[in-house]
Amino acid sequence: MTAPGSLTVDLNALSHNFHALEAVSGVSVHPVVKANAYGLGAVPVAKRLLAEGARTFFVARLDEGVTLRVALGPDPTIYVLDGCVGEAAGALKAADLRPILNHGDQVASWRAASGGACGLQIDTGMNRLGFRPEDAPEPFAGLELVMSHLACSDDPAEPMNRRQRDAFAAVSMRYPGTLKSFANSGGCFLGPDYGFDAVRPGICLYGGGPEGRPDNRLRAVATLTAEILQIRDLPASESVGYSRGFIADRPRRIATCGAGYADGILRSCSPRGEVWAAGALRPLLGRVSMDVIAVDVTGADVSVGDSVELFGANRPVDDAATAAGTISYELLTSIGNRFERRYLDHT
């Protein structure tokens, strides 16, 4: 029995976005495929990107890197953003993974294990991982990449972008001969002086816009749908769902669809959420339940077994996220395991 919802990942749209980011940044694109490629499937995503010319990938965790190495084979370079955590040096070396070293203890652990090739993160203002510029270590054997991370790239007018860029340019001069990487997804669009040697996009590969809203240079990669399980007529003054979250002001027709918060449909999608059905956006009614949502299909030509689009080409993921009071990253990485996954690849 099939699931009443599906996630379709368009690998051709992914390919389009990869090359669009190459064009706009003017440098090599090193995809970020952490968190299971933002919920879309790291292995099929990375395999397609490898076929499109990607040769360097970034993950967050050691186990993500190991999975990717097994899937992609020995050729691509894989960096682990967590760095060399605890006793991880041996496992990193065994899988030919390169840690992004973030503080002095990590550098010491990696070098003590004769670790070899690695990267270094400089914290230019994010105050998360990495060395402060004044604490950056001297160059050492095996260091092949120096990177930093933008904090406000979704706002091109934010002065901090330039401050971070200039700080990175200054400190990275201490490391001649290393690859320099600074721009994330939003940074790809800030101008040519943000690109350095390579960019590291994530959300824009997967169809999210660089400023948290749809961008016509990018295509929707993920389409999330839910099947209509039942349709009923709702009389005026009756309510829908828990705690009478919606009370009808007039007769309505409602469709109960097979997806809920157990599937990653955030409860905050109510009351402003919408889905695409029968050629138009239709509002959610009442609260999101564990397994189902209710949709207003008054006047729509729909039947049991039809699907509604939670986000995709007709309902951009950025718009769906805004309605839920969040960002596209959270919607994608929240997609639950009960959705059937399908991959479109017409190469």
C-alpha atoms as a PDB file:
ATOM      1  CA  MET A   1       0.000   0.000   0.000  1.00  0.00           C
ATOM      2  CA  THR A   2       1.442   3.337  -1.054  1.00  0.00           C
ATOM      3  CA  ALA A   3       1.798   6.287   1.286  1.00  0.00           C
ATOM      4  CA  PRO A   4      -0.782   9.068   0.972  1.00  0.00           C
ATOM      5  CA  GLY A   5       1.969  11.605   0.352  1.00  0.00           C
ATOM      6  CA  SER A   6       5.074  11.883  -1.780  1.00  0.00           C
ATOM      7  CA  LEU A   7       8.253  13.895  -2.154  1.00  0.00           C
ATOM      8  CA  THR A   8       9.377  14.273  -5.759  1.00  0.00           C
ATOM      9  CA  VAL A   9      12.942  15.483  -6.286  1.00  0.00           C
ATOM     10  CA  ASP A  10      13.587  16.870  -9.759  1.00  0.00           C
ATOM     11  CA  LEU A  11      17.258  16.177 -10.420  1.00  0.00           C
ATOM     12  CA  ASN A  12      17.076  18.096 -13.688  1.00  0.00           C
ATOM     13  CA  ALA A  13      16.013  21.208 -11.779  1.00  0.00           C
ATOM     14  CA  LEU A  14      18.901  20.528  -9.383  1.00  0.00           C
ATOM     15  CA  SER A  15      21.263  20.442 -12.361  1.00  0.00           C
ATOM     16  CA  HIS A  16      19.841  23.730 -13.646  1.00  0.00           C
ATOM     17  CA  ASN A  17      20.392  25.392 -10.272  1.00  0.00           C
ATOM     18  CA  PHE A  18      23.952  24.074 -10.026  1.00  0.00           C
ATOM     19  CA  HIS A  19      24.884  25.605 -13.357  1.00  0.00           C
ATOM     20  CA  ALA A  20      22.954  28.814 -12.604  1.00  0.00           C
ATOM     21  CA  LEU A  21      25.060  29.226  -9.461  1.00  0.00           C
ATOM     22  CA  GLU A  22      28.221  28.609 -11.475  1.00  0.00           C
ATOM     23  CA  ALA A  23      27.169  31.353 -13.859  1.00  0.00           C
ATOM     24  CA  VAL A  24      26.177  33.935 -11.264  1.00  0.00           C
ATOM     25  CA  SER A  25      29.228  33.390  -9.039  1.00  0.00           C
ATOM     26  CA  GLY A  26      31.769  32.904 -11.812  1.00  0.00           C
ATOM     27  CA  VAL A  27      33.723  30.292  -9.840  1.00  0.00           C
ATOM     28  CA  SER A  28      33.552  26.599  -8.956  1.00  0.00           C
ATOM     29  CA  VAL A  29      30.509  25.404  -7.048  1.00  0.00           C
ATOM     30  CA  HIS A  30      31.185  23.077  -4.125  1.00  0.00           C
ATOM     31  CA  PRO A  31      27.755  21.776  -3.069  1.00  0.00           C
ATOM     32  CA  VAL A  32      26.671  21.562   0.557  1.00  0.00           C
ATOM     33  CA  VAL A  33      24.843  18.249   0.987  1.00  0.00           C
ATOM     34  CA  LYS A  34      24.653  18.128   4.780  1.00  0.00           C
ATOM     35  CA  ALA A  35      21.470  17.043   6.575  1.00  0.00           C
ATOM     36  CA  ASN A  36      20.762  14.493   3.842  1.00  0.00           C
ATOM     37  CA  ALA A  37      21.013  17.204   1.173  1.00  0.00           C
ATOM     38  CA  TYR A  38      18.581  19.392   3.103  1.00  0.00           C
ATOM     39  CA  GLY A  39      16.159  16.486   3.384  1.00  0.00           C
ATOM     40  CA  LEU A  40      16.130  15.570  -0.311  1.00  0.00           C
ATOM     41  CA  GLY A  41      18.530  12.616  -0.279  1.00  0.00           C
ATOM     42  CA  ALA A  42      22.286  13.158  -0.162  1.00  0.00           C
ATOM     43  CA  VAL A  43      23.234  10.133  -2.257  1.00  0.00           C
ATOM     44  CA  PRO A  44      21.027  10.705  -5.338  1.00  0.00           C
ATOM     45  CA  VAL A  45      21.613  14.457  -5.121  1.00  0.00           C
ATOM     46  CA  ALA A  46      25.391  14.160  -4.869  1.00  0.00           C
ATOM     47  CA  LYS A  47      25.558  11.545  -7.621  1.00  0.00           C
ATOM     48  CA  ARG A  48      23.736  13.868 -10.006  1.00  0.00           C
ATOM     49  CA  LEU A  49      25.905  16.833  -9.018  1.00  0.00           C
ATOM     50  CA  LEU A  50      29.016  14.711  -9.533  1.00  0.00           C
ATOM     51  CA  ALA A  51      27.782  13.929 -13.042  1.00  0.00           C
ATOM     52  CA  GLU A  52      27.296  17.670 -13.609  1.00  0.00           C
ATOM     53  CA  GLY A  53      30.914  18.401 -12.693  1.00  0.00           C
ATOM     54  CA  ALA A  54      30.974  18.932  -8.931  1.00  0.00           C
ATOM     55  CA  ARG A  55      34.193  17.596  -7.454  1.00  0.00           C
ATOM     56  CA  THR A  56      34.096  18.868  -3.857  1.00  0.00           C
ATOM     57  CA  PHE A  57      31.264  18.413  -1.359  1.00  0.00           C
ATOM     58  CA  PHE A  58      30.584  19.646   2.177  1.00  0.00           C
ATOM     59  CA  VAL A  59      28.775  17.745   4.923  1.00  0.00           C
ATOM     60  CA  ALA A  60      28.323  18.573   8.600  1.00  0.00           C
ATOM     61  CA  ARG A  61      28.875  15.245  10.357  1.00  0.00           C
ATOM     62  CA  LEU A  62      31.401  12.447  10.122  1.00  0.00           C
ATOM     63  CA  ASP A  63      28.755   9.804   9.414  1.00  0.00           C
ATOM     64  CA  GLU A  64      27.337  11.930   6.588  1.00  0.00           C
ATOM     65  CA  GLY A  65      30.790  11.972   5.054  1.00  0.00           C
ATOM     66  CA  VAL A  66      31.260   8.224   5.394  1.00  0.00           C
ATOM     67  CA  THR A  67      27.908   7.579   3.682  1.00  0.00           C
ATOM     68  CA  LEU A  68      28.829   9.923   0.851  1.00  0.00           C
ATOM     69  CA  ARG A  69      32.265   8.384   0.386  1.00  0.00           C
ATOM     70  CA  VAL A  70      30.767   4.908   0.034  1.00  0.00           C
ATOM     71  CA  ALA A  71      28.246   6.200  -2.506  1.00  0.00           C
ATOM     72  CA  LEU A  72      30.570   8.385  -4.597  1.00  0.00           C
ATOM     73  CA  GLY A  73      33.757   6.382  -4.533  1.00  0.00           C
ATOM     74  CA  PRO A  74      37.329   7.636  -4.080  1.00  0.00           C
ATOM     75  CA  ASP A  75      37.494  10.555  -6.499  1.00  0.00           C
ATOM     76  CA  PRO A  76      35.576  13.547  -5.044  1.00  0.00           C
ATOM     77  CA  THR A  77      36.851  15.626  -2.138  1.00  0.00           C
ATOM     78  CA  ILE A  78      34.569  15.616   0.915  1.00  0.00           C
ATOM     79  CA  TYR A  79      34.948  18.145   3.743  1.00  0.00           C
ATOM     80  CA  VAL A  80      33.366  17.684   7.186  1.00  0.00           C
ATOM     81  CA  LEU A  81      32.330  20.995   8.748  1.00  0.00           C
ATOM     82  CA  ASP A  82      32.323  19.710  12.334  1.00  0.00           C
ATOM     83  CA  GLY A  83      36.060  19.209  12.043  1.00  0.00           C
ATOM     84  CA  CYS A  84      38.111  16.654  13.921  1.00  0.00           C
ATOM     85  CA  VAL A  85      35.885  16.028  16.942  1.00  0.00           C
ATOM     86  CA  GLY A  86      37.251  13.986  19.819  1.00  0.00           C
ATOM     87  CA  GLU A  87      38.866  10.767  18.585  1.00  0.00           C
ATOM     88  CA  ALA A  88      37.519  11.118  15.038  1.00  0.00           C
ATOM     89  CA  ALA A  89      40.880  11.448  13.269  1.00  0.00           C
ATOM     90  CA  GLY A  90      41.179   7.742  12.526  1.00  0.00           C
ATOM     91  CA  ALA A  91      37.677   7.450  11.102  1.00  0.00           C
ATOM     92  CA  LEU A  92      38.161  10.583   9.004  1.00  0.00           C
ATOM     93  CA  LYS A  93      41.386   9.232   7.563  1.00  0.00           C
ATOM     94  CA  ALA A  94      39.922   5.792   6.934  1.00  0.00           C
ATOM     95  CA  ALA A  95      37.142   7.303   4.797  1.00  0.00           C
ATOM     96  CA  ASP A  96      39.461   9.860   3.156  1.00  0.00           C
ATOM     97  CA  LEU A  97      37.461  12.760   4.582  1.00  0.00           C
ATOM     98  CA  ARG A  98      38.887  16.208   5.197  1.00  0.00           C
ATOM     99  CA  PRO A  99      37.953  17.979   8.426  1.00  0.00           C
ATOM    100  CA  ILE A 100      37.367  21.720   8.562  1.00  0.00           C
ATOM    101  CA  LEU A 101      39.442  22.539  11.644  1.00  0.00           C
ATOM    102  CA  ASN A 102      37.720  25.087  13.873  1.00  0.00           C
ATOM    103  CA  HIS A 103      39.958  25.590  16.920  1.00  0.00           C
ATOM    104  CA  GLY A 104      43.396  24.829  18.260  1.00  0.00           C
ATOM    105  CA  ASP A 105      42.569  21.474  19.834  1.00  0.00           C
ATOM    106  CA  GLN A 106      41.245  20.216  16.523  1.00  0.00           C
ATOM    107  CA  VAL A 107      44.396  21.318  14.723  1.00  0.00           C
ATOM    108  CA  ALA A 108      46.520  19.581  17.337  1.00  0.00           C
ATOM    109  CA  SER A 109      44.486  16.363  17.175  1.00  0.00           C
ATOM    110  CA  TRP A 110      44.584  16.226  13.400  1.00  0.00           C
ATOM    111  CA  ARG A 111      48.291  16.935  13.146  1.00  0.00           C
ATOM    112  CA  ALA A 112      49.124  14.486  15.956  1.00  0.00           C
ATOM    113  CA  ALA A 113      47.380  11.786  13.930  1.00  0.00           C
ATOM    114  CA  SER A 114      49.359  12.787  10.807  1.00  0.00           C
ATOM    115  CA  GLY A 115      45.987  13.538   9.322  1.00  0.00           C
ATOM    116  CA  GLY A 116      47.002  15.153   6.047  1.00  0.00           C
ATOM    117  CA  ALA A 117      44.688  17.227   3.848  1.00  0.00           C
ATOM    118  CA  CYS A 118      42.237  19.459   5.729  1.00  0.00           C
ATOM    119  CA  GLY A 119      40.554  22.843   5.768  1.00  0.00           C
ATOM    120  CA  LEU A 120      40.490  25.740   8.215  1.00  0.00           C
ATOM    121  CA  GLN A 121      37.527  27.909   9.193  1.00  0.00           C
ATOM    122  CA  ILE A 122      37.942  31.579  10.046  1.00  0.00           C
ATOM    123  CA  ASP A 123      35.113  33.178  12.042  1.00  0.00           C
ATOM    124  CA  THR A 124      34.651  36.629  10.516  1.00  0.00           C
ATOM    125  CA  GLY A 125      31.577  37.530  12.566  1.00  0.00           C
ATOM    126  CA  MET A 126      29.200  34.585  12.721  1.00  0.00           C
ATOM    127  CA  ASN A 127      30.473  33.683  16.215  1.00  0.00           C
ATOM    128  CA  ARG A 128      29.762  30.051  15.659  1.00  0.00           C
ATOM    129  CA  LEU A 129      32.568  27.721  14.500  1.00  0.00           C
ATOM    130  CA  GLY A 130      36.075  28.783  13.543  1.00  0.00           C
ATOM    131  CA  PHE A 131      39.109  30.791  14.608  1.00  0.00           C
ATOM    132  CA  ARG A 132      38.804  34.482  15.229  1.00  0.00           C
ATOM    133  CA  PRO A 133      41.091  36.251  12.727  1.00  0.00           C
ATOM    134  CA  GLU A 134      43.554  37.321  15.417  1.00  0.00           C
ATOM    135  CA  ASP A 135      43.825  33.709  16.616  1.00  0.00           C
ATOM    136  CA  ALA A 136      44.244  32.057  13.212  1.00  0.00           C
ATOM    137  CA  PRO A 137      47.143  29.596  13.230  1.00  0.00           C
ATOM    138  CA  GLU A 138      50.223  29.746  11.082  1.00  0.00           C
ATOM    139  CA  PRO A 139      50.127  27.737   7.839  1.00  0.00           C
ATOM    140  CA  PHE A 140      50.851  24.054   8.335  1.00  0.00           C
ATOM    141  CA  ALA A 141      51.338  20.944   6.202  1.00  0.00           C
ATOM    142  CA  GLY A 142      48.145  19.517   4.723  1.00  0.00           C
ATOM    143  CA  LEU A 143      46.139  22.742   4.821  1.00  0.00           C
ATOM    144  CA  GLU A 144      44.396  22.983   1.455  1.00  0.00           C
ATOM    145  CA  LEU A 145      41.324  25.156   2.032  1.00  0.00           C
ATOM    146  CA  VAL A 146      40.493  28.250   4.091  1.00  0.00           C
ATOM    147  CA  MET A 147      36.849  29.257   4.497  1.00  0.00           C
ATOM    148  CA  SER A 148      34.467  31.508   6.374  1.00  0.00           C
ATOM    149  CA  HIS A 149      30.691  31.857   6.500  1.00  0.00           C
ATOM    150  CA  LEU A 150      28.396  34.825   5.905  1.00  0.00           C
ATOM    151  CA  ALA A 151      25.868  35.674   8.605  1.00  0.00           C
ATOM    152  CA  CYS A 152      23.536  37.988   6.657  1.00  0.00           C
ATOM    153  CA  SER A 153      23.842  37.050   2.996  1.00  0.00           C
ATOM    154  CA  ASP A 154      20.049  36.938   2.604  1.00  0.00           C
ATOM    155  CA  ASP A 155      20.081  40.729   3.026  1.00  0.00           C
ATOM    156  CA  PRO A 156      22.316  42.282   0.339  1.00  0.00           C
ATOM    157  CA  ALA A 157      22.052  45.726   1.960  1.00  0.00           C
ATOM    158  CA  GLU A 158      23.443  44.539   5.316  1.00  0.00           C
ATOM    159  CA  PRO A 159      26.859  46.233   5.877  1.00  0.00           C
ATOM    160  CA  MET A 160      28.106  43.193   7.784  1.00  0.00           C
ATOM    161  CA  ASN A 161      28.444  41.326   4.479  1.00  0.00           C
ATOM    162  CA  ARG A 162      31.212  43.667   3.324  1.00  0.00           C
ATOM    163  CA  ARG A 163      32.868  43.691   6.741  1.00  0.00           C
ATOM    164  CA  GLN A 164      33.031  39.915   6.762  1.00  0.00           C
ATOM    165  CA  ARG A 165      34.253  39.775   3.197  1.00  0.00           C
ATOM    166  CA  ASP A 166      37.066  42.232   3.853  1.00  0.00           C
ATOM    167  CA  ALA A 167      38.083  40.462   7.055  1.00  0.00           C
ATOM    168  CA  PHE A 168      38.255  37.145   5.215  1.00  0.00           C
ATOM    169  CA  ALA A 169      40.258  38.648   2.363  1.00  0.00           C
ATOM    170  CA  ALA A 170      42.800  40.005   4.841  1.00  0.00           C
ATOM    171  CA  VAL A 171      43.266  36.864   6.939  1.00  0.00           C
ATOM    172  CA  SER A 172      43.244  34.473   3.988  1.00  0.00           C
ATOM    173  CA  MET A 173      46.324  36.206   2.594  1.00  0.00           C
ATOM    174  CA  ARG A 174      48.273  34.434   5.340  1.00  0.00           C
ATOM    175  CA  TYR A 175      47.641  31.145   3.547  1.00  0.00           C
ATOM    176  CA  PRO A 176      49.089  31.362   0.040  1.00  0.00           C
ATOM    177  CA  GLY A 177      48.427  28.401  -2.182  1.00  0.00           C
ATOM    178  CA  THR A 178      45.243  27.313  -0.410  1.00  0.00           C
ATOM    179  CA  LEU A 179      41.773  27.323  -1.911  1.00  0.00           C
ATOM    180  CA  LYS A 180      39.671  30.218  -0.585  1.00  0.00           C
ATOM    181  CA  SER A 181      35.918  29.737  -0.086  1.00  0.00           C
ATOM    182  CA  PHE A 182      33.631  32.381   1.408  1.00  0.00           C
ATOM    183  CA  ALA A 183      30.176  32.632  -0.190  1.00  0.00           C
ATOM    184  CA  ASN A 184      27.179  30.523   0.764  1.00  0.00           C
ATOM    185  CA  SER A 185      23.958  30.524  -1.301  1.00  0.00           C
ATOM    186  CA  GLY A 186      23.136  34.180  -0.731  1.00  0.00           C
ATOM    187  CA  GLY A 187      26.776  35.140  -1.088  1.00  0.00           C
ATOM    188  CA  CYS A 188      26.810  33.779  -4.646  1.00  0.00           C
ATOM    189  CA  PHE A 189      24.590  36.719  -5.596  1.00  0.00           C
ATOM    190  CA  LEU A 190      26.461  39.508  -3.756  1.00  0.00           C
ATOM    191  CA  GLY A 191      28.995  40.176  -6.497  1.00  0.00           C
ATOM    192  CA  PRO A 192      32.183  38.782  -8.020  1.00  0.00           C
ATOM    193  CA  ASP A 193      34.447  39.857  -5.172  1.00  0.00           C
ATOM    194  CA  TYR A 194      32.564  37.523  -2.818  1.00  0.00           C
ATOM    195  CA  GLY A 195      33.325  34.402  -4.852  1.00  0.00           C
ATOM    196  CA  PHE A 196      37.062  33.979  -4.179  1.00  0.00           C
ATOM    197  CA  ASP A 197      38.032  30.514  -5.537  1.00  0.00           C
ATOM    198  CA  ALA A 198      34.871  28.510  -4.833  1.00  0.00           C
ATOM    199  CA  VAL A 199      31.370  28.994  -3.432  1.00  0.00           C
ATOM    200  CA  ARG A 200      29.457  26.646  -1.126  1.00  0.00           C
ATOM    201  CA  PRO A 201      25.728  26.902  -1.870  1.00  0.00           C
ATOM    202  CA  GLY A 202      23.106  24.873  -0.093  1.00  0.00           C
ATOM    203  CA  ILE A 203      19.504  26.109  -0.160  1.00  0.00           C
ATOM    204  CA  CYS A 204      19.735  27.659  -3.639  1.00  0.00           C
ATOM    205  CA  LEU A 205      20.726  24.299  -5.095  1.00  0.00           C
ATOM    206  CA  TYR A 206      17.456  22.936  -3.762  1.00  0.00           C
ATOM    207  CA  GLY A 207      15.215  25.720  -5.055  1.00  0.00           C
ATOM    208  CA  GLY A 208      15.153  28.225  -2.192  1.00  0.00           C
ATOM    209  CA  GLY A 209      15.836  31.838  -3.116  1.00  0.00           C
ATOM    210  CA  PRO A 210      18.954  33.689  -1.938  1.00  0.00           C
ATOM    211  CA  GLU A 211      16.875  36.278  -0.063  1.00  0.00           C
ATOM    212  CA  GLY A 212      14.261  33.959   1.409  1.00  0.00           C
ATOM    213  CA  ARG A 213      11.783  34.487  -1.402  1.00  0.00           C
ATOM    214  CA  PRO A 214      11.337  32.873  -4.830  1.00  0.00           C
ATOM    215  CA  ASP A 215      13.966  33.745  -7.440  1.00  0.00           C
ATOM    216  CA  ASN A 216      13.200  33.166 -11.117  1.00  0.00           C
ATOM    217  CA  ARG A 217      16.806  32.193 -11.834  1.00  0.00           C
ATOM    218  CA  LEU A 218      16.275  29.018  -9.815  1.00  0.00           C
ATOM    219  CA  ARG A 219      13.894  26.110 -10.287  1.00  0.00           C
ATOM    220  CA  ALA A 220      11.867  24.185  -7.737  1.00  0.00           C
ATOM    221  CA  VAL A 221      13.619  20.911  -6.930  1.00  0.00           C
ATOM    222  CA  ALA A 222      11.290  19.504  -4.259  1.00  0.00           C
ATOM    223  CA  THR A 223       7.574  18.919  -4.715  1.00  0.00           C
ATOM    224  CA  LEU A 224       5.704  17.693  -1.647  1.00  0.00           C
ATOM    225  CA  THR A 225       2.170  16.403  -2.143  1.00  0.00           C
ATOM    226  CA  ALA A 226      -0.538  14.817  -0.020  1.00  0.00           C
ATOM    227  CA  GLU A 227      -3.474  12.715  -1.188  1.00  0.00           C
ATOM    228  CA  ILE A 228      -7.075  13.662  -0.484  1.00  0.00           C
ATOM    229  CA  LEU A 229      -8.473  10.959   1.807  1.00  0.00           C
ATOM    230  CA  GLN A 230     -12.007  12.286   2.275  1.00  0.00           C
ATOM    231  CA  ILE A 231     -14.211  15.191   1.189  1.00  0.00           C
ATOM    232  CA  ARG A 232     -17.154  16.459   3.210  1.00  0.00           C
ATOM    233  CA  ASP A 233     -19.555  19.375   3.362  1.00  0.00           C
ATOM    234  CA  LEU A 234     -19.185  21.584   6.411  1.00  0.00           C
ATOM    235  CA  PRO A 235     -22.301  23.485   7.539  1.00  0.00           C
ATOM    236  CA  ALA A 236     -22.026  27.066   8.747  1.00  0.00           C
ATOM    237  CA  SER A 237     -21.077  27.434  12.442  1.00  0.00           C
ATOM    238  CA  GLU A 238     -19.475  23.969  12.655  1.00  0.00           C
ATOM    239  CA  SER A 239     -15.750  23.655  13.391  1.00  0.00           C
ATOM    240  CA  VAL A 240     -12.750  21.799  12.003  1.00  0.00           C
ATOM    241  CA  GLY A 241     -10.067  20.006  13.985  1.00  0.00           C
ATOM    242  CA  TYR A 242      -8.756  20.235  17.516  1.00  0.00           C
ATOM    243  CA  SER A 243      -9.855  23.077  19.811  1.00  0.00           C
ATOM    244  CA  ARG A 244     -12.285  24.301  17.144  1.00  0.00           C
ATOM    245  CA  GLY A 245      -9.347  25.862  15.316  1.00  0.00           C
ATOM    246  CA  PHE A 246     -11.623  26.954  12.470  1.00  0.00           C
ATOM    247  CA  ILE A 247     -15.346  27.784  12.670  1.00  0.00           C
ATOM    248  CA  ALA A 248     -17.190  28.067   9.378  1.00  0.00           C
ATOM    249  CA  ASP A 249     -18.828  31.406   8.713  1.00  0.00           C
ATOM    250  CA  ARG A 250     -20.720  29.872   5.784  1.00  0.00           C
ATOM    251  CA  PRO A 251     -21.088  26.393   4.266  1.00  0.00           C
ATOM    252  CA  ARG A 252     -17.721  25.019   3.122  1.00  0.00           C
ATOM    253  CA  ARG A 253     -16.392  21.943   1.374  1.00  0.00           C
ATOM    254  CA  ILE A 254     -13.318  20.489   3.001  1.00  0.00           C
ATOM    255  CA  ALA A 255     -10.777  17.906   1.913  1.00  0.00           C
ATOM    256  CA  THR A 256      -8.887  15.903   4.510  1.00  0.00           C
ATOM    257  CA  CYS A 257      -5.368  15.167   3.197  1.00  0.00           C
ATOM    258  CA  GLY A 258      -2.842  12.577   4.325  1.00  0.00           C
ATOM    259  CA  ALA A 259      -0.003  14.597   5.844  1.00  0.00           C
ATOM    260  CA  GLY A 260       0.498  16.089   9.287  1.00  0.00           C
ATOM    261  CA  TYR A 261       3.099  17.146  11.798  1.00  0.00           C
ATOM    262  CA  ALA A 262       4.397  13.570  12.058  1.00  0.00           C
ATOM    263  CA  ASP A 263       5.386  14.050   8.415  1.00  0.00           C
ATOM    264  CA  GLY A 264       7.085  17.384   9.011  1.00  0.00           C
ATOM    265  CA  ILE A 265       4.123  19.624   8.198  1.00  0.00           C
ATOM    266  CA  LEU A 266       4.723  22.251  10.851  1.00  0.00           C
ATOM    267  CA  ARG A 267       1.841  23.120  13.163  1.00  0.00           C
ATOM    268  CA  SER A 268       2.713  26.761  12.497  1.00  0.00           C
ATOM    269  CA  CYS A 269       1.425  26.268   8.938  1.00  0.00           C
ATOM    270  CA  SER A 270      -1.990  26.947  10.456  1.00  0.00           C
ATOM    271  CA  PRO A 271      -3.779  29.319  10.122  1.00  0.00           C
ATOM    272  CA  ARG A 272      -1.964  31.062   7.231  1.00  0.00           C
ATOM    273  CA  GLY A 273      -0.949  27.978   5.269  1.00  0.00           C
ATOM    274  CA  GLU A 274      -2.144  27.218   1.760  1.00  0.00           C
ATOM    275  CA  VAL A 275      -1.785  24.366  -0.703  1.00  0.00           C
ATOM    276  CA  TRP A 276      -2.127  24.222  -4.483  1.00  0.00           C
ATOM    277  CA  ALA A 277      -5.138  22.226  -5.659  1.00  0.00           C
ATOM    278  CA  ALA A 278      -7.273  22.310  -8.791  1.00  0.00           C
ATOM    279  CA  GLY A 279      -5.305  25.189 -10.291  1.00  0.00           C
ATOM    280  CA  ALA A 280      -5.393  27.575  -7.344  1.00  0.00           C
ATOM    281  CA  LEU A 281      -4.121  28.158  -3.817  1.00  0.00           C
ATOM    282  CA  ARG A 282      -6.497  26.796  -1.183  1.00  0.00           C
ATOM    283  CA  PRO A 283      -6.299  27.661   2.547  1.00  0.00           C
ATOM    284  CA  LEU A 284      -5.739  25.201   5.352  1.00  0.00           C
ATOM    285  CA  LEU A 285      -8.593  25.058   7.848  1.00  0.00           C
ATOM    286  CA  GLY A 286      -8.063  24.437  11.543  1.00  0.00           C
ATOM    287  CA  ARG A 287      -4.989  23.005  13.154  1.00  0.00           C
ATOM    288  CA  VAL A 288      -2.448  20.691  11.580  1.00  0.00           C
ATOM    289  CA  SER A 289      -2.963  17.237  13.096  1.00  0.00           C
ATOM    290  CA  MET A 290      -0.437  14.432  13.488  1.00  0.00           C
ATOM    291  CA  ASP A 291      -1.485  12.660  10.284  1.00  0.00           C
ATOM    292  CA  VAL A 292      -3.836  14.946   8.373  1.00  0.00           C
ATOM    293  CA  ILE A 293      -4.618  18.500   7.343  1.00  0.00           C
ATOM    294  CA  ALA A 294      -7.928  20.003   6.242  1.00  0.00           C
ATOM    295  CA  VAL A 295      -8.110  22.132   3.091  1.00  0.00           C
ATOM    296  CA  ASP A 296     -10.895  24.426   1.921  1.00  0.00           C
ATOM    297  CA  VAL A 297     -11.874  23.128  -1.539  1.00  0.00           C
ATOM    298  CA  THR A 298     -15.161  25.003  -1.779  1.00  0.00           C
ATOM    299  CA  GLY A 299     -16.027  25.337  -5.468  1.00  0.00           C
ATOM    300  CA  ALA A 300     -13.066  23.252  -6.609  1.00  0.00           C
ATOM    301  CA  ASP A 301     -13.284  20.220  -8.885  1.00  0.00           C
ATOM    302  CA  VAL A 302     -11.436  17.683  -6.732  1.00  0.00           C
ATOM    303  CA  SER A 303     -12.009  14.068  -5.769  1.00  0.00           C
ATOM    304  CA  VAL A 304     -10.780  11.553  -3.241  1.00  0.00           C
ATOM    305  CA  GLY A 305      -7.413  10.282  -4.465  1.00  0.00           C
ATOM    306  CA  ASP A 306      -6.346  13.601  -5.983  1.00  0.00           C
ATOM    307  CA  SER A 307      -3.232  15.258  -4.602  1.00  0.00           C
ATOM    308  CA  VAL A 308      -2.642  18.717  -3.215  1.00  0.00           C
ATOM    309  CA  GLU A 309       0.766  20.394  -3.492  1.00  0.00           C
ATOM    310  CA  LEU A 310       2.182  21.537  -0.167  1.00  0.00           C
ATOM    311  CA  PHE A 311       5.098  23.155  -1.949  1.00  0.00           C
ATOM    312  CA  GLY A 312       6.711  22.833  -5.344  1.00  0.00           C
ATOM    313  CA  ALA A 313       6.570  24.585  -8.706  1.00  0.00           C
ATOM    314  CA  ASN A 314       3.092  26.011  -8.041  1.00  0.00           C
ATOM    315  CA  ARG A 315       3.598  26.781  -4.358  1.00  0.00           C
ATOM    316  CA  PRO A 316       7.239  27.925  -3.927  1.00  0.00           C
ATOM    317  CA  VAL A 317       8.920  26.547  -0.841  1.00  0.00           C
ATOM    318  CA  ASP A 318       9.889  30.077   0.251  1.00  0.00           C
ATOM    319  CA  ASP A 319       6.244  31.174   0.168  1.00  0.00           C
ATOM    320  CA  ALA A 320       5.169  28.099   2.113  1.00  0.00           C
ATOM    321  CA  ALA A 321       7.863  28.811   4.684  1.00  0.00           C
ATOM    322  CA  THR A 322       6.845  32.448   5.060  1.00  0.00           C
ATOM    323  CA  ALA A 323       3.252  31.405   5.709  1.00  0.00           C
ATOM    324  CA  ALA A 324       4.498  29.088   8.450  1.00  0.00           C
ATOM    325  CA  GLY A 325       6.663  31.801  10.006  1.00  0.00           C
ATOM    326  CA  THR A 326       9.894  30.001   9.217  1.00  0.00           C
ATOM    327  CA  ILE A 327      12.469  29.514   6.436  1.00  0.00           C
ATOM    328  CA  SER A 328      12.674  27.080   3.549  1.00  0.00           C
ATOM    329  CA  TYR A 329      15.585  25.254   5.210  1.00  0.00           C
ATOM    330  CA  GLU A 330      13.325  24.106   8.044  1.00  0.00           C
ATOM    331  CA  LEU A 331      10.528  22.953   5.749  1.00  0.00           C
ATOM    332  CA  LEU A 332      12.884  20.840   3.650  1.00  0.00           C
ATOM    333  CA  THR A 333      14.835  19.302   6.507  1.00  0.00           C
ATOM    334  CA  SER A 334      11.605  18.512   8.384  1.00  0.00           C
ATOM    335  CA  ILE A 335      10.189  16.252   5.653  1.00  0.00           C
ATOM    336  CA  GLY A 336       9.269  12.984   7.338  1.00  0.00           C
ATOM    337  CA  ASN A 337      10.095   9.417   6.397  1.00  0.00           C
ATOM    338  CA  ARG A 338       6.486   8.457   5.690  1.00  0.00           C
ATOM    339  CA  PHE A 339       6.509  10.289   2.366  1.00  0.00           C
ATOM    340  CA  GLU A 340       7.261   8.132  -0.638  1.00  0.00           C
ATOM    341  CA  ARG A 341      10.359   9.504  -2.365  1.00  0.00           C
ATOM    342  CA  ARG A 342      10.593   9.759  -6.131  1.00  0.00           C
ATOM    343  CA  TYR A 343      13.488  11.045  -8.213  1.00  0.00           C
ATOM    344  CA  LEU A 344      13.057  12.549 -11.673  1.00  0.00           C
ATOM    345  CA  ASP A 345      16.145  12.183 -13.854  1.00  0.00           C
ATOM    346  CA  HIS A 346      15.814  12.541 -17.610  1.00  0.00           C
ATOM    347  CA  THR A 347      19.519  12.553 -18.465  1.00  0.00           C
END
